[in-house]
Amino acid sequence: MTKAELISDIAVATGYDKMTITTIVEAYMNSVKKSLVDGESVFLRGFGTFQVKMRKAKVARNINASKSIPVPAHPVATFKPCKELARDMRN
């Protein structure tokens, strides 16, 4: 599902126009982004948790050039679904 499809689905379900829904979805996404950049987790009950984890430093291999490339530790945004969502996805 794309952002445009999400906006269309919400507009149909709520009866609001797409411009209003677009503004709301953009504000939601910006709020989640800001929280993650600030190092905060975003917990949405019944959906899941967005959080930032540190990925360990490692050495990757460039097969074409036969060289090792050091990759430093860096933050990565992750999503963990709640138990209900995980259960619904299995069914």
PDB file of N, CA and C in Angstrom:
ATOM      1  N   MET A   1       0.843  -1.164   0.000  1.00  0.00           N
ATOM      2  CA  MET A   1       0.000   0.000   0.000  1.00  0.00           C
ATOM      3  C   MET A   1       0.900   1.243   0.000  1.00  0.00           C
ATOM      4  N   THR A   2       0.584   2.161  -0.852  1.00  0.00           N
ATOM      5  CA  THR A   2       1.327   3.417  -0.916  1.00  0.00           C
ATOM      6  C   THR A   2       0.642   4.466  -0.036  1.00  0.00           C
ATOM      7  N   LYS A   3       1.312   5.596   0.165  1.00  0.00           N
ATOM      8  CA  LYS A   3       0.726   6.665   0.956  1.00  0.00           C
ATOM      9  C   LYS A   3      -0.547   7.186   0.282  1.00  0.00           C
ATOM     10  N   ALA A   4      -0.544   7.270  -1.036  1.00  0.00           N
ATOM     11  CA  ALA A   4      -1.728   7.741  -1.759  1.00  0.00           C
ATOM     12  C   ALA A   4      -2.904   6.779  -1.566  1.00  0.00           C
ATOM     13  N   GLU A   5      -2.628   5.482  -1.584  1.00  0.00           N
ATOM     14  CA  GLU A   5      -3.694   4.495  -1.365  1.00  0.00           C
ATOM     15  C   GLU A   5      -4.214   4.574   0.067  1.00  0.00           C
ATOM     16  N   LEU A   6      -3.313   4.788   1.026  1.00  0.00           N
ATOM     17  CA  LEU A   6      -3.716   4.935   2.417  1.00  0.00           C
ATOM     18  C   LEU A   6      -4.623   6.149   2.573  1.00  0.00           C
ATOM     19  N   ILE A   7      -4.243   7.248   1.981  1.00  0.00           N
ATOM     20  CA  ILE A   7      -5.045   8.469   2.055  1.00  0.00           C
ATOM     21  C   ILE A   7      -6.416   8.248   1.428  1.00  0.00           C
ATOM     22  N   SER A   8      -6.466   7.574   0.286  1.00  0.00           N
ATOM     23  CA  SER A   8      -7.747   7.293  -0.363  1.00  0.00           C
ATOM     24  C   SER A   8      -8.632   6.409   0.510  1.00  0.00           C
ATOM     25  N   ASP A   9      -8.052   5.362   1.098  1.00  0.00           N
ATOM     26  CA  ASP A   9      -8.822   4.462   1.962  1.00  0.00           C
ATOM     27  C   ASP A   9      -9.398   5.206   3.165  1.00  0.00           C
ATOM     28  N   ILE A  10      -8.584   6.052   3.786  1.00  0.00           N
ATOM     29  CA  ILE A  10      -9.055   6.799   4.949  1.00  0.00           C
ATOM     30  C   ILE A  10     -10.133   7.791   4.539  1.00  0.00           C
ATOM     31  N   ALA A  11      -9.966   8.446   3.395  1.00  0.00           N
ATOM     32  CA  ALA A  11     -10.959   9.413   2.907  1.00  0.00           C
ATOM     33  C   ALA A  11     -12.303   8.729   2.665  1.00  0.00           C
ATOM     34  N   VAL A  12     -12.268   7.547   2.077  1.00  0.00           N
ATOM     35  CA  VAL A  12     -13.516   6.809   1.812  1.00  0.00           C
ATOM     36  C   VAL A  12     -14.157   6.361   3.131  1.00  0.00           C
ATOM     37  N   ALA A  13     -13.337   5.864   4.061  1.00  0.00           N
ATOM     38  CA  ALA A  13     -13.856   5.353   5.324  1.00  0.00           C
ATOM     39  C   ALA A  13     -14.425   6.452   6.224  1.00  0.00           C
ATOM     40  N   THR A  14     -13.840   7.657   6.158  1.00  0.00           N
ATOM     41  CA  THR A  14     -14.271   8.723   7.064  1.00  0.00           C
ATOM     42  C   THR A  14     -15.197   9.742   6.413  1.00  0.00           C
ATOM     43  N   GLY A  15     -15.169   9.845   5.089  1.00  0.00           N
ATOM     44  CA  GLY A  15     -15.985  10.840   4.411  1.00  0.00           C
ATOM     45  C   GLY A  15     -15.320  12.206   4.314  1.00  0.00           C
ATOM     46  N   TYR A  16     -14.098  12.336   4.821  1.00  0.00           N
ATOM     47  CA  TYR A  16     -13.373  13.593   4.709  1.00  0.00           C
ATOM     48  C   TYR A  16     -12.706  13.683   3.339  1.00  0.00           C
ATOM     49  N   ASP A  17     -12.410  14.918   2.910  1.00  0.00           N
ATOM     50  CA  ASP A  17     -11.760  15.082   1.615  1.00  0.00           C
ATOM     51  C   ASP A  17     -10.288  14.677   1.715  1.00  0.00           C
ATOM     52  N   LYS A  18      -9.701  14.365   0.567  1.00  0.00           N
ATOM     53  CA  LYS A  18      -8.329  13.867   0.520  1.00  0.00           C
ATOM     54  C   LYS A  18      -7.309  14.894   1.002  1.00  0.00           C
ATOM     55  N   MET A  19      -7.562  16.170   0.787  1.00  0.00           N
ATOM     56  CA  MET A  19      -6.612  17.200   1.233  1.00  0.00           C
ATOM     57  C   MET A  19      -6.514  17.219   2.760  1.00  0.00           C
ATOM     58  N   THR A  20      -7.639  17.079   3.435  1.00  0.00           N
ATOM     59  CA  THR A  20      -7.643  17.041   4.899  1.00  0.00           C
ATOM     60  C   THR A  20      -6.898  15.818   5.402  1.00  0.00           C
ATOM     61  N   ILE A  21      -7.171  14.676   4.803  1.00  0.00           N
ATOM     62  CA  ILE A  21      -6.528  13.423   5.196  1.00  0.00           C
ATOM     63  C   ILE A  21      -5.028  13.493   4.906  1.00  0.00           C
ATOM     64  N   THR A  22      -4.649  14.079   3.776  1.00  0.00           N
ATOM     65  CA  THR A  22      -3.230  14.236   3.437  1.00  0.00           C
ATOM     66  C   THR A  22      -2.512  15.051   4.501  1.00  0.00           C
ATOM     67  N   THR A  23      -3.127  16.136   4.952  1.00  0.00           N
ATOM     68  CA  THR A  23      -2.542  16.974   5.994  1.00  0.00           C
ATOM     69  C   THR A  23      -2.358  16.177   7.286  1.00  0.00           C
ATOM     70  N   ILE A  24      -3.356  15.384   7.645  1.00  0.00           N
ATOM     71  CA  ILE A  24      -3.292  14.583   8.873  1.00  0.00           C
ATOM     72  C   ILE A  24      -2.212  13.514   8.769  1.00  0.00           C
ATOM     73  N   VAL A  25      -2.154  12.803   7.652  1.00  0.00           N
ATOM     74  CA  VAL A  25      -1.161  11.744   7.472  1.00  0.00           C
ATOM     75  C   VAL A  25       0.249  12.329   7.479  1.00  0.00           C
ATOM     76  N   GLU A  26       0.439  13.458   6.812  1.00  0.00           N
ATOM     77  CA  GLU A  26       1.752  14.114   6.796  1.00  0.00           C
ATOM     78  C   GLU A  26       2.155  14.542   8.208  1.00  0.00           C
ATOM     79  N   ALA A  27       1.206  15.098   8.965  1.00  0.00           N
ATOM     80  CA  ALA A  27       1.505  15.529  10.333  1.00  0.00           C
ATOM     81  C   ALA A  27       1.867  14.324  11.200  1.00  0.00           C
ATOM     82  N   TYR A  28       1.159  13.216  11.027  1.00  0.00           N
ATOM     83  CA  TYR A  28       1.457  11.986  11.770  1.00  0.00           C
ATOM     84  C   TYR A  28       2.865  11.492  11.437  1.00  0.00           C
ATOM     85  N   MET A  29       3.184  11.422  10.162  1.00  0.00           N
ATOM     86  CA  MET A  29       4.496  10.923   9.752  1.00  0.00           C
ATOM     87  C   MET A  29       5.610  11.834  10.258  1.00  0.00           C
ATOM     88  N   ASN A  30       5.415  13.137  10.199  1.00  0.00           N
ATOM     89  CA  ASN A  30       6.424  14.078  10.693  1.00  0.00           C
ATOM     90  C   ASN A  30       6.616  13.936  12.196  1.00  0.00           C
ATOM     91  N   SER A  31       5.541  13.694  12.916  1.00  0.00           N
ATOM     92  CA  SER A  31       5.628  13.516  14.360  1.00  0.00           C
ATOM     93  C   SER A  31       6.406  12.251  14.712  1.00  0.00           C
ATOM     94  N   VAL A  32       6.139  11.155  13.988  1.00  0.00           N
ATOM     95  CA  VAL A  32       6.870   9.903  14.220  1.00  0.00           C
ATOM     96  C   VAL A  32       8.342  10.092  13.869  1.00  0.00           C
ATOM     97  N   LYS A  33       8.630  10.729  12.738  1.00  0.00           N
ATOM     98  CA  LYS A  33      10.020  10.977  12.335  1.00  0.00           C
ATOM     99  C   LYS A  33      10.763  11.788  13.385  1.00  0.00           C
ATOM    100  N   LYS A  34      10.133  12.863  13.876  1.00  0.00           N
ATOM    101  CA  LYS A  34      10.776  13.724  14.868  1.00  0.00           C
ATOM    102  C   LYS A  34      11.081  12.944  16.134  1.00  0.00           C
ATOM    103  N   SER A  35      10.141  12.118  16.580  1.00  0.00           N
ATOM    104  CA  SER A  35      10.358  11.324  17.785  1.00  0.00           C
ATOM    105  C   SER A  35      11.518  10.357  17.601  1.00  0.00           C
ATOM    106  N   LEU A  36      11.592   9.698  16.452  1.00  0.00           N
ATOM    107  CA  LEU A  36      12.670   8.749  16.201  1.00  0.00           C
ATOM    108  C   LEU A  36      14.020   9.458  16.109  1.00  0.00           C
ATOM    109  N   VAL A  37      14.063  10.603  15.444  1.00  0.00           N
ATOM    110  CA  VAL A  37      15.306  11.365  15.338  1.00  0.00           C
ATOM    111  C   VAL A  37      15.764  11.817  16.726  1.00  0.00           C
ATOM    112  N   ASP A  38      14.813  12.137  17.609  1.00  0.00           N
ATOM    113  CA  ASP A  38      15.138  12.555  18.976  1.00  0.00           C
ATOM    114  C   ASP A  38      15.477  11.366  19.875  1.00  0.00           C
ATOM    115  N   GLY A  39      15.432  10.150  19.327  1.00  0.00           N
ATOM    116  CA  GLY A  39      15.782   8.955  20.096  1.00  0.00           C
ATOM    117  C   GLY A  39      14.649   8.382  20.912  1.00  0.00           C
ATOM    118  N   GLU A  40      13.428   8.850  20.699  1.00  0.00           N
ATOM    119  CA  GLU A  40      12.267   8.366  21.438  1.00  0.00           C
ATOM    120  C   GLU A  40      11.586   7.231  20.678  1.00  0.00           C
ATOM    121  N   SER A  41      10.938   6.329  21.419  1.00  0.00           N
ATOM    122  CA  SER A  41      10.128   5.279  20.808  1.00  0.00           C
ATOM    123  C   SER A  41       8.717   5.811  20.617  1.00  0.00           C
ATOM    124  N   VAL A  42       8.004   5.264  19.641  1.00  0.00           N
ATOM    125  CA  VAL A  42       6.608   5.618  19.399  1.00  0.00           C
ATOM    126  C   VAL A  42       5.794   4.346  19.565  1.00  0.00           C
ATOM    127  N   PHE A  43       4.951   4.298  20.603  1.00  0.00           N
ATOM    128  CA  PHE A  43       4.136   3.125  20.897  1.00  0.00           C
ATOM    129  C   PHE A  43       2.696   3.411  20.522  1.00  0.00           C
ATOM    130  N   LEU A  44       2.132   2.614  19.631  1.00  0.00           N
ATOM    131  CA  LEU A  44       0.735   2.748  19.221  1.00  0.00           C
ATOM    132  C   LEU A  44      -0.002   1.485  19.663  1.00  0.00           C
ATOM    133  N   ARG A  45      -0.801   1.614  20.727  1.00  0.00           N
ATOM    134  CA  ARG A  45      -1.511   0.467  21.277  1.00  0.00           C
ATOM    135  C   ARG A  45      -2.378  -0.188  20.198  1.00  0.00           C
ATOM    136  N   GLY A  46      -2.284  -1.497  20.096  1.00  0.00           N
ATOM    137  CA  GLY A  46      -3.047  -2.238  19.105  1.00  0.00           C
ATOM    138  C   GLY A  46      -2.377  -2.288  17.737  1.00  0.00           C
ATOM    139  N   PHE A  47      -1.222  -1.640  17.596  1.00  0.00           N
ATOM    140  CA  PHE A  47      -0.513  -1.637  16.316  1.00  0.00           C
ATOM    141  C   PHE A  47       0.928  -2.090  16.474  1.00  0.00           C
ATOM    142  N   GLY A  48       1.724  -1.355  17.256  1.00  0.00           N
ATOM    143  CA  GLY A  48       3.111  -1.752  17.461  1.00  0.00           C
ATOM    144  C   GLY A  48       3.971  -0.602  17.923  1.00  0.00           C
ATOM    145  N   THR A  49       5.292  -0.834  17.900  1.00  0.00           N
ATOM    146  CA  THR A  49       6.250   0.146  18.401  1.00  0.00           C
ATOM    147  C   THR A  49       7.314   0.444  17.351  1.00  0.00           C
ATOM    148  N   PHE A  50       7.523   1.726  17.098  1.00  0.00           N
ATOM    149  CA  PHE A  50       8.639   2.193  16.286  1.00  0.00           C
ATOM    150  C   PHE A  50       9.728   2.597  17.255  1.00  0.00           C
ATOM    151  N   GLN A  51      10.958   2.164  17.016  1.00  0.00           N
ATOM    152  CA  GLN A  51      12.054   2.565  17.887  1.00  0.00           C
ATOM    153  C   GLN A  51      13.358   2.605  17.111  1.00  0.00           C
ATOM    154  N   VAL A  52      14.356   3.225  17.717  1.00  0.00           N
ATOM    155  CA  VAL A  52      15.680   3.329  17.100  1.00  0.00           C
ATOM    156  C   VAL A  52      16.612   2.377  17.838  1.00  0.00           C
ATOM    157  N   LYS A  53      17.307   1.543  17.091  1.00  0.00           N
ATOM    158  CA  LYS A  53      18.294   0.637  17.661  1.00  0.00           C
ATOM    159  C   LYS A  53      19.635   0.928  17.000  1.00  0.00           C
ATOM    160  N   MET A  54      20.699   0.654  17.728  1.00  0.00           N
ATOM    161  CA  MET A  54      22.042   0.830  17.169  1.00  0.00           C
ATOM    162  C   MET A  54      22.482  -0.475  16.517  1.00  0.00           C
ATOM    163  N   ARG A  55      22.851  -0.394  15.275  1.00  0.00           N
ATOM    164  CA  ARG A  55      23.404  -1.551  14.574  1.00  0.00           C
ATOM    165  C   ARG A  55      24.909  -1.572  14.830  1.00  0.00           C
ATOM    166  N   LYS A  56      25.439  -2.750  15.143  1.00  0.00           N
ATOM    167  CA  LYS A  56      26.858  -2.881  15.469  1.00  0.00           C
ATOM    168  C   LYS A  56      27.736  -2.581  14.256  1.00  0.00           C
ATOM    169  N   ALA A  57      28.949  -2.154  14.547  1.00  0.00           N
ATOM    170  CA  ALA A  57      29.936  -1.952  13.487  1.00  0.00           C
ATOM    171  C   ALA A  57      30.328  -3.319  12.932  1.00  0.00           C
ATOM    172  N   LYS A  58      30.623  -3.360  11.643  1.00  0.00           N
ATOM    173  CA  LYS A  58      31.018  -4.628  11.026  1.00  0.00           C
ATOM    174  C   LYS A  58      31.918  -4.351   9.832  1.00  0.00           C
ATOM    175  N   VAL A  59      32.437  -5.414   9.280  1.00  0.00           N
ATOM    176  CA  VAL A  59      33.253  -5.320   8.071  1.00  0.00           C
ATOM    177  C   VAL A  59      32.491  -6.026   6.965  1.00  0.00           C
ATOM    178  N   ALA A  60      32.123  -5.274   5.929  1.00  0.00           N
ATOM    179  CA  ALA A  60      31.420  -5.839   4.780  1.00  0.00           C
ATOM    180  C   ALA A  60      32.427  -6.163   3.689  1.00  0.00           C
ATOM    181  N   ARG A  61      32.002  -6.962   2.765  1.00  0.00           N
ATOM    182  CA  ARG A  61      32.906  -7.386   1.696  1.00  0.00           C
ATOM    183  C   ARG A  61      32.343  -6.954   0.351  1.00  0.00           C
ATOM    184  N   ASN A  62      33.158  -6.212  -0.426  1.00  0.00           N
ATOM    185  CA  ASN A  62      32.797  -5.849  -1.788  1.00  0.00           C
ATOM    186  C   ASN A  62      33.326  -6.957  -2.691  1.00  0.00           C
ATOM    187  N   ILE A  63      32.430  -7.809  -3.163  1.00  0.00           N
ATOM    188  CA  ILE A  63      32.829  -8.977  -3.946  1.00  0.00           C
ATOM    189  C   ILE A  63      33.460  -8.570  -5.271  1.00  0.00           C
ATOM    190  N   ASN A  64      32.930  -7.538  -5.909  1.00  0.00           N
ATOM    191  CA  ASN A  64      33.440  -7.123  -7.215  1.00  0.00           C
ATOM    192  C   ASN A  64      34.873  -6.605  -7.142  1.00  0.00           C
ATOM    193  N   ALA A  65      35.185  -5.860  -6.084  1.00  0.00           N
ATOM    194  CA  ALA A  65      36.520  -5.281  -5.964  1.00  0.00           C
ATOM    195  C   ALA A  65      37.421  -6.114  -5.051  1.00  0.00           C
ATOM    196  N   SER A  66      36.886  -7.157  -4.462  1.00  0.00           N
ATOM    197  CA  SER A  66      37.628  -8.007  -3.517  1.00  0.00           C
ATOM    198  C   SER A  66      38.270  -7.191  -2.400  1.00  0.00           C
ATOM    199  N   LYS A  67      37.482  -6.285  -1.831  1.00  0.00           N
ATOM    200  CA  LYS A  67      37.965  -5.441  -0.752  1.00  0.00           C
ATOM    201  C   LYS A  67      37.029  -5.546   0.452  1.00  0.00           C
ATOM    202  N   SER A  68      37.587  -5.348   1.623  1.00  0.00           N
ATOM    203  CA  SER A  68      36.799  -5.261   2.843  1.00  0.00           C
ATOM    204  C   SER A  68      36.483  -3.799   3.118  1.00  0.00           C
ATOM    205  N   ILE A  69      35.246  -3.533   3.514  1.00  0.00           N
ATOM    206  CA  ILE A  69      34.810  -2.166   3.765  1.00  0.00           C
ATOM    207  C   ILE A  69      34.288  -2.083   5.197  1.00  0.00           C
ATOM    208  N   PRO A  70      34.899  -1.254   6.039  1.00  0.00           N
ATOM    209  CA  PRO A  70      34.386  -1.119   7.402  1.00  0.00           C
ATOM    210  C   PRO A  70      33.081  -0.315   7.407  1.00  0.00           C
ATOM    211  N   VAL A  71      32.073  -0.838   8.103  1.00  0.00           N
ATOM    212  CA  VAL A  71      30.794  -0.145   8.251  1.00  0.00           C
ATOM    213  C   VAL A  71      30.669   0.228   9.721  1.00  0.00           C
ATOM    214  N   PRO A  72      30.645   1.516  10.044  1.00  0.00           N
ATOM    215  CA  PRO A  72      30.588   1.928  11.448  1.00  0.00           C
ATOM    216  C   PRO A  72      29.216   1.628  12.068  1.00  0.00           C
ATOM    217  N   ALA A  73      29.165   1.620  13.391  1.00  0.00           N
ATOM    218  CA  ALA A  73      27.888   1.473  14.087  1.00  0.00           C
ATOM    219  C   ALA A  73      26.995   2.650  13.705  1.00  0.00           C
ATOM    220  N   HIS A  74      25.699   2.377  13.539  1.00  0.00           N
ATOM    221  CA  HIS A  74      24.789   3.448  13.145  1.00  0.00           C
ATOM    222  C   HIS A  74      23.372   3.139  13.619  1.00  0.00           C
ATOM    223  N   PRO A  75      22.559   4.183  13.816  1.00  0.00           N
ATOM    224  CA  PRO A  75      21.183   3.975  14.266  1.00  0.00           C
ATOM    225  C   PRO A  75      20.297   3.495  13.112  1.00  0.00           C
ATOM    226  N   VAL A  76      19.335   2.632  13.450  1.00  0.00           N
ATOM    227  CA  VAL A  76      18.400   2.093  12.467  1.00  0.00           C
ATOM    228  C   VAL A  76      16.997   2.138  13.063  1.00  0.00           C
ATOM    229  N   ALA A  77      16.031   2.631  12.318  1.00  0.00           N
ATOM    230  CA  ALA A  77      14.642   2.633  12.764  1.00  0.00           C
ATOM    231  C   ALA A  77      14.061   1.229  12.581  1.00  0.00           C
ATOM    232  N   THR A  78      13.368   0.732  13.615  1.00  0.00           N
ATOM    233  CA  THR A  78      12.766  -0.593  13.550  1.00  0.00           C
ATOM    234  C   THR A  78      11.295  -0.503  13.934  1.00  0.00           C
ATOM    235  N   PHE A  79      10.538  -1.526  13.562  1.00  0.00           N
ATOM    236  CA  PHE A  79       9.128  -1.627  13.932  1.00  0.00           C
ATOM    237  C   PHE A  79       8.885  -3.015  14.484  1.00  0.00           C
ATOM    238  N   LYS A  80       8.224  -3.079  15.627  1.00  0.00           N
ATOM    239  CA  LYS A  80       7.848  -4.356  16.214  1.00  0.00           C
ATOM    240  C   LYS A  80       6.332  -4.352  16.365  1.00  0.00           C
ATOM    241  N   PRO A  81       5.638  -5.253  15.663  1.00  0.00           N
ATOM    242  CA  PRO A  81       4.176  -5.280  15.773  1.00  0.00           C
ATOM    243  C   PRO A  81       3.737  -5.751  17.154  1.00  0.00           C
ATOM    244  N   CYS A  82       2.551  -5.303  17.574  1.00  0.00           N
ATOM    245  CA  CYS A  82       2.018  -5.768  18.850  1.00  0.00           C
ATOM    246  C   CYS A  82       1.555  -7.213  18.693  1.00  0.00           C
ATOM    247  N   LYS A  83       1.247  -7.859  19.803  1.00  0.00           N
ATOM    248  CA  LYS A  83       0.852  -9.269  19.768  1.00  0.00           C
ATOM    249  C   LYS A  83      -0.382  -9.500  18.912  1.00  0.00           C
ATOM    250  N   GLU A  84      -1.376  -8.605  19.011  1.00  0.00           N
ATOM    251  CA  GLU A  84      -2.605  -8.773  18.230  1.00  0.00           C
ATOM    252  C   GLU A  84      -2.334  -8.700  16.730  1.00  0.00           C
ATOM    253  N   LEU A  85      -1.534  -7.731  16.326  1.00  0.00           N
ATOM    254  CA  LEU A  85      -1.205  -7.583  14.906  1.00  0.00           C
ATOM    255  C   LEU A  85      -0.396  -8.780  14.416  1.00  0.00           C
ATOM    256  N   ALA A  86       0.575  -9.221  15.215  1.00  0.00           N
ATOM    257  CA  ALA A  86       1.374 -10.373  14.826  1.00  0.00           C
ATOM    258  C   ALA A  86       0.490 -11.612  14.677  1.00  0.00           C
ATOM    259  N   ARG A  87      -0.470 -11.777  15.597  1.00  0.00           N
ATOM    260  CA  ARG A  87      -1.392 -12.907  15.515  1.00  0.00           C
ATOM    261  C   ARG A  87      -2.284 -12.813  14.265  1.00  0.00           C
ATOM    262  N   ASP A  88      -2.796 -11.599  13.992  1.00  0.00           N
ATOM    263  CA  ASP A  88      -3.645 -11.417  12.820  1.00  0.00           C
ATOM    264  C   ASP A  88      -2.888 -11.671  11.516  1.00  0.00           C
ATOM    265  N   MET A  89      -1.598 -11.341  11.501  1.00  0.00           N
ATOM    266  CA  MET A  89      -0.797 -11.562  10.297  1.00  0.00           C
ATOM    267  C   MET A  89      -0.564 -13.060  10.041  1.00  0.00           C
ATOM    268  N   ARG A  90      -0.532 -13.848  11.110  1.00  0.00           N
ATOM    269  CA  ARG A  90      -0.329 -15.297  10.953  1.00  0.00           C
ATOM    270  C   ARG A  90      -1.579 -15.978  10.440  1.00  0.00           C
ATOM    271  N   ASN A  91      -2.752 -15.416  10.715  1.00  0.00           N
ATOM    272  CA  ASN A  91      -4.005 -16.060  10.291  1.00  0.00           C
ATOM    273  C   ASN A  91      -4.399 -15.705   8.909  1.00  0.00           C
TER     274      ASN A  91
END
